Amino acid sequence: MSRGKDQHVVPHKDGWAVKGAGNSKATSIQPTQQKAIKDAIGIAKHQKSEVVIHGKNGKIRDKDSYGNDPNPPKDTKN
């Protein structure tokens, strides 16, 4: 199964928007960042992609993978 588009949570004039990478139109517009993140996570889980969260200034502040992560965390149990 191929990986879907990363979902970006970005500031929007009406609150916060979820946009697929490279898309000009928002998939979802929510009044709060938390609601937009929840929408983005649902999409990313379905598409096995990443959620990229931007701050009010537009800069990336966090990322999380919901698919086949090419760099999974190392197992620290020994």
Protein backbone atom coordinates (compact mmCIF):
# COMPACT_ATOMS: atom_id res chain seq x y z
CA MET A 1 0.00 0.00 0.00
CA SER A 2 1.39 3.38 -0.93
CA ARG A 3 1.71 6.18 1.56
CA GLY A 4 -0.77 9.06 1.47
CA LYS A 5 -0.11 12.78 1.65
CA ASP A 6 1.19 14.25 4.88
CA GLN A 7 -1.51 16.26 6.66
CA HIS A 8 -0.55 19.80 7.70
CA VAL A 9 -2.36 21.68 10.47
CA VAL A 10 -1.98 25.37 9.60
CA PRO A 11 -3.41 28.72 10.73
CA HIS A 12 -6.51 29.81 8.79
CA LYS A 13 -8.56 33.03 8.84
CA ASP A 14 -11.45 31.05 10.38
CA GLY A 15 -9.31 29.12 12.90
CA TRP A 16 -7.15 26.17 11.86
CA ALA A 17 -7.06 24.18 8.63
CA VAL A 18 -6.01 20.66 7.71
CA LYS A 19 -4.35 20.52 4.29
CA GLY A 20 -2.87 17.58 2.45
CA ALA A 21 0.72 18.26 1.36
CA GLY A 22 0.69 20.23 -1.89
CA ASN A 23 -3.06 20.93 -1.77
CA SER A 24 -4.24 24.52 -2.13
CA LYS A 25 -7.65 23.87 -0.54
CA ALA A 26 -8.21 22.79 3.04
CA THR A 27 -9.66 19.35 3.75
CA SER A 28 -11.08 20.61 7.05
CA ILE A 29 -11.39 23.95 8.87
CA GLN A 30 -11.83 23.92 12.64
CA PRO A 31 -12.18 26.67 15.27
CA THR A 32 -9.32 25.29 17.41
CA GLN A 33 -5.94 23.77 16.68
CA GLN A 34 -6.80 20.72 18.83
CA LYS A 35 -9.87 19.92 16.71
CA ALA A 36 -7.84 20.34 13.52
CA ILE A 37 -5.13 18.02 14.90
CA LYS A 38 -7.79 15.40 15.71
CA ASP A 39 -9.08 15.57 12.10
CA ALA A 40 -5.54 15.40 10.72
CA ILE A 41 -4.69 12.34 12.83
CA GLY A 42 -7.78 10.51 11.56
CA ILE A 43 -6.81 11.21 7.96
CA ALA A 44 -3.15 10.33 8.54
CA LYS A 45 -4.02 7.00 10.20
CA HIS A 46 -6.22 6.09 7.22
CA GLN A 47 -3.56 7.15 4.69
CA LYS A 48 -0.57 5.91 6.72
CA SER A 49 1.10 9.31 6.56
CA GLU A 50 2.38 12.06 8.90
CA VAL A 51 0.72 14.92 10.73
CA VAL A 52 2.75 18.14 10.58
CA ILE A 53 1.62 20.76 13.11
CA HIS A 54 2.43 24.41 12.42
CA GLY A 55 2.34 27.21 14.99
CA LYS A 56 0.53 30.54 14.57
CA ASN A 57 3.68 31.88 12.90
CA GLY A 58 3.49 29.13 10.27
CA LYS A 59 6.66 27.36 11.40
CA ILE A 60 6.58 23.62 12.03
CA ARG A 61 6.36 22.92 15.76
CA ASP A 62 5.70 19.16 15.81
CA LYS A 63 5.39 16.04 13.63
CA ASP A 64 4.03 12.57 14.22
CA SER A 65 3.93 9.52 11.97
CA TYR A 66 0.85 7.32 11.61
CA GLY A 67 2.13 4.93 9.00
CA ASN A 68 5.15 2.99 7.93
CA ASP A 69 7.79 5.15 9.58
CA PRO A 70 11.10 4.80 7.69
CA ASN A 71 12.96 5.76 10.90
CA PRO A 72 11.09 4.13 13.78
CA PRO A 73 12.38 4.80 17.31
CA LYS A 74 15.04 2.40 18.55
CA ASP A 75 14.03 -0.17 21.15
CA THR A 76 15.68 1.02 24.36
CA LYS A 77 14.89 -2.13 26.35
CA ASN A 78 18.01 -4.20 27.04
